[in-house]
PDB file of N, CA and C in Angstrom:
ATOM      1  N   UNK A   1    -171.765   0.133-203.476  1.00  0.00           N
ATOM      2  CA  UNK A   1    -171.648  -0.084-202.030  1.00  0.00           C
ATOM      3  C   UNK A   1    -170.664  -1.209-201.769  1.00  0.00           C
ATOM      4  N   UNK A   2    -169.730  -0.962-200.891  1.00  0.00           N
ATOM      5  CA  UNK A   2    -168.670  -1.918-200.630  1.00  0.00           C
ATOM      6  C   UNK A   2    -169.179  -3.111-199.827  1.00  0.00           C
ATOM      7  N   UNK A   3    -168.555  -4.238-200.040  1.00  0.00           N
ATOM      8  CA  UNK A   3    -168.903  -5.434-199.275  1.00  0.00           C
ATOM      9  C   UNK A   3    -168.295  -5.375-197.882  1.00  0.00           C
ATOM     10  N   UNK A   4    -167.305  -4.527-197.695  1.00  0.00           N
ATOM     11  CA  UNK A   4    -166.649  -4.453-196.394  1.00  0.00           C
ATOM     12  C   UNK A   4    -167.529  -3.715-195.406  1.00  0.00           C
ATOM     13  N   UNK A   5    -167.787  -4.382-194.298  1.00  0.00           N
ATOM     14  CA  UNK A   5    -168.649  -3.835-193.269  1.00  0.00           C
ATOM     15  C   UNK A   5    -168.080  -2.557-192.668  1.00  0.00           C
ATOM     16  N   UNK A   6    -166.761  -2.520-192.462  1.00  0.00           N
ATOM     17  CA  UNK A   6    -166.207  -1.386-191.723  1.00  0.00           C
ATOM     18  C   UNK A   6    -166.380  -0.067-192.446  1.00  0.00           C
ATOM     19  N   UNK A   7    -166.623  -0.105-193.748  1.00  0.00           N
ATOM     20  CA  UNK A   7    -166.806   1.145-194.462  1.00  0.00           C
ATOM     21  C   UNK A   7    -168.212   1.698-194.258  1.00  0.00           C
ATOM     22  N   UNK A   8    -169.053   0.930-193.607  1.00  0.00           N
ATOM     23  CA  UNK A   8    -170.429   1.368-193.433  1.00  0.00           C
ATOM     24  C   UNK A   8    -170.679   1.931-192.044  1.00  0.00           C
ATOM     25  N   UNK A   9    -169.646   2.037-191.241  1.00  0.00           N
ATOM     26  CA  UNK A   9    -169.834   2.620-189.916  1.00  0.00           C
ATOM     27  C   UNK A   9    -168.619   3.443-189.537  1.00  0.00           C
ATOM     28  N   UNK A  10    -168.820   4.312-188.576  1.00  0.00           N
ATOM     29  CA  UNK A  10    -167.726   5.172-188.147  1.00  0.00           C
ATOM     30  C   UNK A  10    -167.750   5.320-186.636  1.00  0.00           C
ATOM     31  N   UNK A  11    -166.667   5.859-186.108  1.00  0.00           N
ATOM     32  CA  UNK A  11    -166.538   6.091-184.673  1.00  0.00           C
ATOM     33  C   UNK A  11    -166.825   7.563-184.421  1.00  0.00           C
ATOM     34  N   UNK A  12    -167.747   7.817-183.523  1.00  0.00           N
ATOM     35  CA  UNK A  12    -168.049   9.189-183.129  1.00  0.00           C
ATOM     36  C   UNK A  12    -167.475   9.394-181.731  1.00  0.00           C
ATOM     37  N   UNK A  13    -166.574  10.378-181.600  1.00  0.00           N
ATOM     38  CA  UNK A  13    -165.997  10.689-180.299  1.00  0.00           C
ATOM     39  C   UNK A  13    -166.639  11.987-179.823  1.00  0.00           C
ATOM     40  N   UNK A  14    -167.302  11.903-178.679  1.00  0.00           N
ATOM     41  CA  UNK A  14    -168.041  13.054-178.166  1.00  0.00           C
ATOM     42  C   UNK A  14    -167.503  13.442-176.793  1.00  0.00           C
ATOM     43  N   UNK A  15    -167.339  14.727-176.594  1.00  0.00           N
ATOM     44  CA  UNK A  15    -166.907  15.241-175.295  1.00  0.00           C
ATOM     45  C   UNK A  15    -167.936  16.263-174.834  1.00  0.00           C
ATOM     46  N   UNK A  16    -168.462  16.027-173.634  1.00  0.00           N
ATOM     47  CA  UNK A  16    -169.449  16.935-173.065  1.00  0.00           C
ATOM     48  C   UNK A  16    -170.636  17.138-174.015  1.00  0.00           C
ATOM     49  N   UNK A  17    -171.057  16.065-174.684  1.00  0.00           N
ATOM     50  CA  UNK A  17    -172.235  16.121-175.547  1.00  0.00           C
ATOM     51  C   UNK A  17    -171.976  16.633-176.957  1.00  0.00           C
ATOM     52  N   UNK A  18    -170.740  16.953-177.282  1.00  0.00           N
ATOM     53  CA  UNK A  18    -170.442  17.471-178.613  1.00  0.00           C
ATOM     54  C   UNK A  18    -169.504  16.537-179.364  1.00  0.00           C
ATOM     55  N   UNK A  19    -169.817  16.268-180.608  1.00  0.00           N
ATOM     56  CA  UNK A  19    -168.933  15.408-181.394  1.00  0.00           C
ATOM     57  C   UNK A  19    -167.657  16.175-181.727  1.00  0.00           C
ATOM     58  N   UNK A  20    -166.517  15.641-181.268  1.00  0.00           N
ATOM     59  CA  UNK A  20    -165.240  16.320-181.500  1.00  0.00           C
ATOM     60  C   UNK A  20    -164.432  15.651-182.597  1.00  0.00           C
ATOM     61  N   UNK A  21    -164.739  14.381-182.868  1.00  0.00           N
ATOM     62  CA  UNK A  21    -163.992  13.660-183.888  1.00  0.00           C
ATOM     63  C   UNK A  21    -164.878  12.593-184.488  1.00  0.00           C
ATOM     64  N   UNK A  22    -164.713  12.398-185.791  1.00  0.00           N
ATOM     65  CA  UNK A  22    -165.453  11.374-186.508  1.00  0.00           C
ATOM     66  C   UNK A  22    -164.410  10.568-187.274  1.00  0.00           C
ATOM     67  N   UNK A  23    -164.354   9.272-187.023  1.00  0.00           N
ATOM     68  CA  UNK A  23    -163.335   8.440-187.668  1.00  0.00           C
ATOM     69  C   UNK A  23    -164.020   7.316-188.424  1.00  0.00           C
ATOM     70  N   UNK A  24    -163.813   7.303-189.725  1.00  0.00           N
ATOM     71  CA  UNK A  24    -164.387   6.235-190.539  1.00  0.00           C
ATOM     72  C   UNK A  24    -163.413   5.061-190.513  1.00  0.00           C
ATOM     73  N   UNK A  25    -163.932   3.864-190.265  1.00  0.00           N
ATOM     74  CA  UNK A  25    -163.075   2.679-190.196  1.00  0.00           C
ATOM     75  C   UNK A  25    -162.316   2.508-191.504  1.00  0.00           C
ATOM     76  N   UNK A  26    -161.044   2.176-191.379  1.00  0.00           N
ATOM     77  CA  UNK A  26    -160.186   2.009-192.548  1.00  0.00           C
ATOM     78  C   UNK A  26    -159.079   1.040-192.146  1.00  0.00           C
ATOM     79  N   UNK A  27    -158.698   0.150-193.047  1.00  0.00           N
ATOM     80  CA  UNK A  27    -157.656  -0.828-192.708  1.00  0.00           C
ATOM     81  C   UNK A  27    -156.347  -0.138-192.324  1.00  0.00           C
ATOM     82  N   UNK A  28    -156.087   1.060-192.839  1.00  0.00           N
ATOM     83  CA  UNK A  28    -154.858   1.780-192.494  1.00  0.00           C
ATOM     84  C   UNK A  28    -154.845   2.229-191.038  1.00  0.00           C
ATOM     85  N   UNK A  29    -156.011   2.254-190.400  1.00  0.00           N
ATOM     86  CA  UNK A  29    -156.095   2.751-189.028  1.00  0.00           C
ATOM     87  C   UNK A  29    -155.963   1.649-187.983  1.00  0.00           C
ATOM     88  N   UNK A  30    -155.944   0.387-188.411  1.00  0.00           N
ATOM     89  CA  UNK A  30    -155.894  -0.721-187.455  1.00  0.00           C
ATOM     90  C   UNK A  30    -154.623  -0.604-186.608  1.00  0.00           C
ATOM     91  N   UNK A  31    -154.810  -0.616-185.297  1.00  0.00           N
ATOM     92  CA  UNK A  31    -153.675  -0.521-184.383  1.00  0.00           C
ATOM     93  C   UNK A  31    -153.278   0.907-184.027  1.00  0.00           C
ATOM     94  N   UNK A  32    -153.915   1.871-184.669  1.00  0.00           N
ATOM     95  CA  UNK A  32    -153.595   3.278-184.380  1.00  0.00           C
ATOM     96  C   UNK A  32    -154.247   3.704-183.059  1.00  0.00           C
ATOM     97  N   UNK A  33    -153.584   4.615-182.371  1.00  0.00           N
ATOM     98  CA  UNK A  33    -154.157   5.151-181.140  1.00  0.00           C
ATOM     99  C   UNK A  33    -154.430   6.638-181.323  1.00  0.00           C
ATOM    100  N   UNK A  34    -155.467   7.100-180.662  1.00  0.00           N
ATOM    101  CA  UNK A  34    -155.866   8.504-180.747  1.00  0.00           C
ATOM    102  C   UNK A  34    -156.023   9.040-179.334  1.00  0.00           C
ATOM    103  N   UNK A  35    -155.202  10.013-178.952  1.00  0.00           N
ATOM    104  CA  UNK A  35    -155.373  10.602-177.628  1.00  0.00           C
ATOM    105  C   UNK A  35    -156.507  11.625-177.652  1.00  0.00           C
ATOM    106  N   UNK A  36    -157.343  11.600-176.625  1.00  0.00           N
ATOM    107  CA  UNK A  36    -158.388  12.613-176.477  1.00  0.00           C
ATOM    108  C   UNK A  36    -158.111  13.303-175.151  1.00  0.00           C
ATOM    109  N   UNK A  37    -157.598  14.516-175.238  1.00  0.00           N
ATOM    110  CA  UNK A  37    -157.241  15.250-174.036  1.00  0.00           C
ATOM    111  C   UNK A  37    -158.071  16.516-173.990  1.00  0.00           C
ATOM    112  N   UNK A  38    -158.832  16.671-172.920  1.00  0.00           N
ATOM    113  CA  UNK A  38    -159.692  17.848-172.790  1.00  0.00           C
ATOM    114  C   UNK A  38    -159.552  18.385-171.372  1.00  0.00           C
ATOM    115  N   UNK A  39    -160.275  19.445-171.102  1.00  0.00           N
ATOM    116  CA  UNK A  39    -160.263  19.994-169.739  1.00  0.00           C
ATOM    117  C   UNK A  39    -160.817  18.992-168.731  1.00  0.00           C
ATOM    118  N   UNK A  40    -161.565  17.980-169.207  1.00  0.00           N
ATOM    119  CA  UNK A  40    -162.196  17.015-168.299  1.00  0.00           C
ATOM    120  C   UNK A  40    -161.293  15.822-168.005  1.00  0.00           C
ATOM    121  N   UNK A  41    -160.323  15.558-168.877  1.00  0.00           N
ATOM    122  CA  UNK A  41    -159.457  14.407-168.634  1.00  0.00           C
ATOM    123  C   UNK A  41    -158.823  13.878-169.900  1.00  0.00           C
ATOM    124  N   UNK A  42    -158.142  12.735-169.731  1.00  0.00           N
ATOM    125  CA  UNK A  42    -157.368  12.137-170.822  1.00  0.00           C
ATOM    126  C   UNK A  42    -157.804  10.699-171.054  1.00  0.00           C
ATOM    127  N   UNK A  43    -158.013  10.347-172.306  1.00  0.00           N
ATOM    128  CA  UNK A  43    -158.322   8.969-172.687  1.00  0.00           C
ATOM    129  C   UNK A  43    -157.526   8.654-173.946  1.00  0.00           C
ATOM    130  N   UNK A  44    -157.049   7.425-174.041  1.00  0.00           N
ATOM    131  CA  UNK A  44    -156.340   6.988-175.243  1.00  0.00           C
ATOM    132  C   UNK A  44    -157.174   5.893-175.888  1.00  0.00           C
ATOM    133  N   UNK A  45    -157.555   6.134-177.135  1.00  0.00           N
ATOM    134  CA  UNK A  45    -158.451   5.236-177.854  1.00  0.00           C
ATOM    135  C   UNK A  45    -157.639   4.439-178.867  1.00  0.00           C
ATOM    136  N   UNK A  46    -157.909   3.142-178.953  1.00  0.00           N
ATOM    137  CA  UNK A  46    -157.235   2.305-179.946  1.00  0.00           C
ATOM    138  C   UNK A  46    -158.258   1.805-180.958  1.00  0.00           C
ATOM    139  N   UNK A  47    -157.891   1.904-182.227  1.00  0.00           N
ATOM    140  CA  UNK A  47    -158.770   1.434-183.295  1.00  0.00           C
ATOM    141  C   UNK A  47    -158.313   0.055-183.737  1.00  0.00           C
ATOM    142  N   UNK A  48    -159.273  -0.862-183.786  1.00  0.00           N
ATOM    143  CA  UNK A  48    -158.972  -2.204-184.272  1.00  0.00           C
ATOM    144  C   UNK A  48    -159.649  -2.384-185.612  1.00  0.00           C
ATOM    145  N   UNK A  49    -159.658  -3.611-186.106  1.00  0.00           N
ATOM    146  CA  UNK A  49    -160.340  -3.887-187.358  1.00  0.00           C
ATOM    147  C   UNK A  49    -161.826  -3.918-187.046  1.00  0.00           C
ATOM    148  N   UNK A  50    -162.554  -2.894-187.484  1.00  0.00           N
ATOM    149  CA  UNK A  50    -163.992  -2.906-187.277  1.00  0.00           C
ATOM    150  C   UNK A  50    -164.403  -2.716-185.819  1.00  0.00           C
ATOM    151  N   UNK A  51    -163.492  -2.225-184.952  1.00  0.00           N
ATOM    152  CA  UNK A  51    -163.821  -2.107-183.528  1.00  0.00           C
ATOM    153  C   UNK A  51    -162.965  -1.012-182.901  1.00  0.00           C
ATOM    154  N   UNK A  52    -163.338  -0.626-181.697  1.00  0.00           N
ATOM    155  CA  UNK A  52    -162.611   0.450-181.003  1.00  0.00           C
ATOM    156  C   UNK A  52    -162.680   0.207-179.498  1.00  0.00           C
ATOM    157  N   UNK A  53    -161.628   0.648-178.780  1.00  0.00           N
ATOM    158  CA  UNK A  53    -161.622   0.513-177.320  1.00  0.00           C
ATOM    159  C   UNK A  53    -160.779   1.633-176.717  1.00  0.00           C
ATOM    160  N   UNK A  54    -160.913   1.780-175.389  1.00  0.00           N
ATOM    161  CA  UNK A  54    -160.077   2.722-174.642  1.00  0.00           C
ATOM    162  C   UNK A  54    -158.968   1.899-173.995  1.00  0.00           C
ATOM    163  N   UNK A  55    -157.711   2.325-174.164  1.00  0.00           N
ATOM    164  CA  UNK A  55    -156.605   1.563-173.568  1.00  0.00           C
ATOM    165  C   UNK A  55    -155.907   2.311-172.441  1.00  0.00           C
ATOM    166  N   UNK A  56    -156.194   3.601-172.304  1.00  0.00           N
ATOM    167  CA  UNK A  56    -155.621   4.375-171.200  1.00  0.00           C
ATOM    168  C   UNK A  56    -156.593   5.472-170.821  1.00  0.00           C
ATOM    169  N   UNK A  57    -156.677   5.754-169.523  1.00  0.00           N
ATOM    170  CA  UNK A  57    -157.551   6.842-169.081  1.00  0.00           C
ATOM    171  C   UNK A  57    -157.099   7.300-167.712  1.00  0.00           C
ATOM    172  N   UNK A  58    -157.333   8.576-167.436  1.00  0.00           N
ATOM    173  CA  UNK A  58    -156.952   9.084-166.111  1.00  0.00           C
ATOM    174  C   UNK A  58    -158.148   9.166-165.159  1.00  0.00           C
ATOM    175  N   UNK A  59    -159.260   8.555-165.530  1.00  0.00           N
ATOM    176  CA  UNK A  59    -160.434   8.573-164.647  1.00  0.00           C
ATOM    177  C   UNK A  59    -160.205   7.596-163.487  1.00  0.00           C
ATOM    178  N   UNK A  60    -160.819   7.874-162.327  1.00  0.00           N
ATOM    179  CA  UNK A  60    -160.576   7.015-161.160  1.00  0.00           C
ATOM    180  C   UNK A  60    -161.154   5.604-161.287  1.00  0.00           C
ATOM    181  N   UNK A  61    -162.319   5.451-161.946  1.00  0.00           N
ATOM    182  CA  UNK A  61    -162.969   4.130-161.952  1.00  0.00           C
ATOM    183  C   UNK A  61    -162.469   3.171-163.039  1.00  0.00           C
ATOM    184  N   UNK A  62    -161.864   3.703-164.099  1.00  0.00           N
ATOM    185  CA  UNK A  62    -161.319   2.879-165.199  1.00  0.00           C
ATOM    186  C   UNK A  62    -162.384   1.992-165.871  1.00  0.00           C
ATOM    187  N   UNK A  63    -163.651   2.369-165.741  1.00  0.00           N
ATOM    188  CA  UNK A  63    -164.725   1.553-166.314  1.00  0.00           C
ATOM    189  C   UNK A  63    -164.652   1.512-167.834  1.00  0.00           C
ATOM    190  N   UNK A  64    -164.189   2.593-168.439  1.00  0.00           N
ATOM    191  CA  UNK A  64    -164.107   2.633-169.896  1.00  0.00           C
ATOM    192  C   UNK A  64    -163.086   1.620-170.414  1.00  0.00           C
ATOM    193  N   UNK A  65    -162.015   1.375-169.657  1.00  0.00           N
ATOM    194  CA  UNK A  65    -161.018   0.374-170.056  1.00  0.00           C
ATOM    195  C   UNK A  65    -161.599  -1.030-169.935  1.00  0.00           C
ATOM    196  N   UNK A  66    -162.359  -1.243-168.859  1.00  0.00           N
ATOM    197  CA  UNK A  66    -162.914  -2.580-168.598  1.00  0.00           C
ATOM    198  C   UNK A  66    -163.921  -3.003-169.661  1.00  0.00           C
ATOM    199  N   UNK A  67    -164.492  -2.029-170.366  1.00  0.00           N
ATOM    200  CA  UNK A  67    -165.496  -2.370-171.376  1.00  0.00           C
ATOM    201  C   UNK A  67    -164.917  -3.095-172.580  1.00  0.00           C
ATOM    202  N   UNK A  68    -163.633  -2.903-172.833  1.00  0.00           N
ATOM    203  CA  UNK A  68    -163.011  -3.568-173.981  1.00  0.00           C
ATOM    204  C   UNK A  68    -163.502  -2.989-175.295  1.00  0.00           C
ATOM    205  N   UNK A  69    -163.413  -3.815-176.328  1.00  0.00           N
ATOM    206  CA  UNK A  69    -163.774  -3.361-177.672  1.00  0.00           C
ATOM    207  C   UNK A  69    -165.288  -3.268-177.855  1.00  0.00           C
ATOM    208  N   UNK A  70    -165.728  -2.274-178.618  1.00  0.00           N
ATOM    209  CA  UNK A  70    -167.109  -2.243-179.102  1.00  0.00           C
ATOM    210  C   UNK A  70    -167.063  -2.376-180.621  1.00  0.00           C
ATOM    211  N   UNK A  71    -168.050  -3.045-181.182  1.00  0.00           N
ATOM    212  CA  UNK A  71    -168.058  -3.389-182.604  1.00  0.00           C
ATOM    213  C   UNK A  71    -169.280  -2.863-183.334  1.00  0.00           C
ATOM    214  N   UNK A  72    -170.433  -2.932-182.665  1.00  0.00           N
ATOM    215  CA  UNK A  72    -171.688  -2.792-183.396  1.00  0.00           C
ATOM    216  C   UNK A  72    -172.231  -1.381-183.397  1.00  0.00           C
ATOM    217  N   UNK A  73    -172.906  -1.071-184.461  1.00  0.00           N
ATOM    218  CA  UNK A  73    -173.623   0.178-184.619  1.00  0.00           C
ATOM    219  C   UNK A  73    -174.486   0.393-183.376  1.00  0.00           C
ATOM    220  N   UNK A  74    -174.345   1.521-182.729  1.00  0.00           N
ATOM    221  CA  UNK A  74    -175.152   1.810-181.548  1.00  0.00           C
ATOM    222  C   UNK A  74    -174.450   1.504-180.234  1.00  0.00           C
ATOM    223  N   UNK A  75    -173.355   0.742-180.275  1.00  0.00           N
ATOM    224  CA  UNK A  75    -172.639   0.444-179.036  1.00  0.00           C
ATOM    225  C   UNK A  75    -171.866   1.682-178.583  1.00  0.00           C
ATOM    226  N   UNK A  76    -171.732   1.850-177.268  1.00  0.00           N
ATOM    227  CA  UNK A  76    -171.020   3.016-176.736  1.00  0.00           C
ATOM    228  C   UNK A  76    -170.073   2.634-175.604  1.00  0.00           C
ATOM    229  N   UNK A  77    -169.021   3.419-175.482  1.00  0.00           N
ATOM    230  CA  UNK A  77    -168.158   3.384-174.302  1.00  0.00           C
ATOM    231  C   UNK A  77    -168.334   4.759-173.675  1.00  0.00           C
ATOM    232  N   UNK A  78    -168.580   4.777-172.375  1.00  0.00           N
ATOM    233  CA  UNK A  78    -168.804   6.052-171.696  1.00  0.00           C
ATOM    234  C   UNK A  78    -167.778   6.194-170.579  1.00  0.00           C
ATOM    235  N   UNK A  79    -167.156   7.356-170.508  1.00  0.00           N
ATOM    236  CA  UNK A  79    -166.285   7.690-169.383  1.00  0.00           C
ATOM    237  C   UNK A  79    -166.891   8.931-168.745  1.00  0.00           C
ATOM    238  N   UNK A  80    -167.718   8.705-167.722  1.00  0.00           N
ATOM    239  CA  UNK A  80    -168.449   9.817-167.113  1.00  0.00           C
ATOM    240  C   UNK A  80    -167.541  10.901-166.529  1.00  0.00           C
ATOM    241  N   UNK A  81    -166.490  10.529-165.763  1.00  0.00           N
ATOM    242  CA  UNK A  81    -165.668  11.595-165.178  1.00  0.00           C
ATOM    243  C   UNK A  81    -165.070  12.520-166.247  1.00  0.00           C
ATOM    244  N   UNK A  82    -164.724  11.964-167.398  1.00  0.00           N
ATOM    245  CA  UNK A  82    -164.095  12.761-168.459  1.00  0.00           C
ATOM    246  C   UNK A  82    -165.102  13.260-169.500  1.00  0.00           C
ATOM    247  N   UNK A  83    -166.386  13.010-169.237  1.00  0.00           N
ATOM    248  CA  UNK A  83    -167.472  13.430-170.136  1.00  0.00           C
ATOM    249  C   UNK A  83    -167.249  12.960-171.572  1.00  0.00           C
ATOM    250  N   UNK A  84    -166.751  11.741-171.693  1.00  0.00           N
ATOM    251  CA  UNK A  84    -166.402  11.186-172.998  1.00  0.00           C
ATOM    252  C   UNK A  84    -167.379  10.079-173.387  1.00  0.00           C
ATOM    253  N   UNK A  85    -167.828  10.130-174.622  1.00  0.00           N
ATOM    254  CA  UNK A  85    -168.649   9.057-175.176  1.00  0.00           C
ATOM    255  C   UNK A  85    -168.022   8.660-176.506  1.00  0.00           C
ATOM    256  N   UNK A  86    -167.791   7.353-176.671  1.00  0.00           N
ATOM    257  CA  UNK A  86    -167.323   6.839-177.949  1.00  0.00           C
ATOM    258  C   UNK A  86    -168.445   5.961-178.458  1.00  0.00           C
ATOM    259  N   UNK A  87    -168.911   6.256-179.640  1.00  0.00           N
ATOM    260  CA  UNK A  87    -170.079   5.539-180.171  1.00  0.00           C
ATOM    261  C   UNK A  87    -169.786   5.071-181.584  1.00  0.00           C
ATOM    262  N   UNK A  88    -170.256   3.864-181.888  1.00  0.00           N
ATOM    263  CA  UNK A  88    -170.163   3.387-183.262  1.00  0.00           C
ATOM    264  C   UNK A  88    -171.489   3.723-183.936  1.00  0.00           C
ATOM    265  N   UNK A  89    -171.387   4.409-185.055  1.00  0.00           N
ATOM    266  CA  UNK A  89    -172.593   4.826-185.769  1.00  0.00           C
ATOM    267  C   UNK A  89    -172.538   4.319-187.195  1.00  0.00           C
ATOM    268  N   UNK A  90    -173.695   3.968-187.716  1.00  0.00           N
ATOM    269  CA  UNK A  90    -173.769   3.582-189.116  1.00  0.00           C
ATOM    270  C   UNK A  90    -173.771   4.827-189.983  1.00  0.00           C
ATOM    271  N   UNK A  91    -173.061   4.771-191.090  1.00  0.00           N
ATOM    272  CA  UNK A  91    -173.002   5.932-191.971  1.00  0.00           C
ATOM    273  C   UNK A  91    -174.399   6.250-192.510  1.00  0.00           C
ATOM    274  N   UNK A  92    -175.203   5.231-192.733  1.00  0.00           N
ATOM    275  CA  UNK A  92    -176.567   5.461-193.224  1.00  0.00           C
ATOM    276  C   UNK A  92    -177.445   6.117-192.171  1.00  0.00           C
ATOM    277  N   UNK A  93    -177.082   5.963-190.888  1.00  0.00           N
ATOM    278  CA  UNK A  93    -177.901   6.521-189.809  1.00  0.00           C
ATOM    279  C   UNK A  93    -177.832   8.029-189.775  1.00  0.00           C
ATOM    280  N   UNK A  94    -176.801   8.565-190.394  1.00  0.00           N
ATOM    281  CA  UNK A  94    -176.591   9.996-190.277  1.00  0.00           C
ATOM    282  C   UNK A  94    -177.806  10.789-190.733  1.00  0.00           C
ATOM    283  N   UNK A  95    -178.514  10.304-191.716  1.00  0.00           N
ATOM    284  CA  UNK A  95    -179.694  10.999-192.214  1.00  0.00           C
ATOM    285  C   UNK A  95    -180.789  11.045-191.154  1.00  0.00           C
ATOM    286  N   UNK A  96    -180.771  10.070-190.227  1.00  0.00           N
ATOM    287  CA  UNK A  96    -181.837   9.981-189.235  1.00  0.00           C
ATOM    288  C   UNK A  96    -181.546  10.800-187.980  1.00  0.00           C
ATOM    289  N   UNK A  97    -180.324  11.250-187.828  1.00  0.00           N
ATOM    290  CA  UNK A  97    -179.923  11.849-186.564  1.00  0.00           C
ATOM    291  C   UNK A  97    -180.852  12.980-186.147  1.00  0.00           C
ATOM    292  N   UNK A  98    -181.192  13.874-187.067  1.00  0.00           N
ATOM    293  CA  UNK A  98    -182.007  15.021-186.686  1.00  0.00           C
ATOM    294  C   UNK A  98    -183.360  14.668-186.135  1.00  0.00           C
ATOM    295  N   UNK A  99    -184.099  13.799-186.836  1.00  0.00           N
ATOM    296  CA  UNK A  99    -185.442  13.576-186.296  1.00  0.00           C
ATOM    297  C   UNK A  99    -185.465  12.616-185.113  1.00  0.00           C
ATOM    298  N   UNK A 100    -184.370  11.917-184.823  1.00  0.00           N
ATOM    299  CA  UNK A 100    -184.335  11.104-183.596  1.00  0.00           C
ATOM    300  C   UNK A 100    -184.185  12.040-182.397  1.00  0.00           C
ATOM    301  N   UNK A 101    -183.370  13.065-182.533  1.00  0.00           N
ATOM    302  CA  UNK A 101    -183.092  13.914-181.383  1.00  0.00           C
ATOM    303  C   UNK A 101    -184.146  14.987-181.134  1.00  0.00           C
ATOM    304  N   UNK A 102    -185.115  15.122-182.049  1.00  0.00           N
ATOM    305  CA  UNK A 102    -186.128  16.160-181.863  1.00  0.00           C
ATOM    306  C   UNK A 102    -187.085  15.859-180.734  1.00  0.00           C
TER     307      UNK A 102
END
C-alpha cells in the first residue's frame, strides 16, 4: 500500500445519477482539465494535486464554481442544472457501495 494519499481515492463524475467517468488521482494529471459535455450542459473540471474543482460551467447560478476545490473522501460538488455530481471516493469504499445503496 502506497504512502501517497492520492492513490487511495478517486474522482467519480456522475451525470443524471450515473457514473460516467472515474479518475484515479495521479501526479501526471495535476493541472489537467476534463470537459464534461452532456445534453444537460457543460462543465470543465480541473484536477489538482489530491483535489478537484469546476473552473467553467454554463449553468446560470455558477454555484459549482464557487465551491472551489474538494479534497476529502465523501466531499461533493453538485451542479443541479446540469445534473452533474463530482465526488471524491475512497478506493477502499468501493466494496461498500452496494450495501450502502440497498
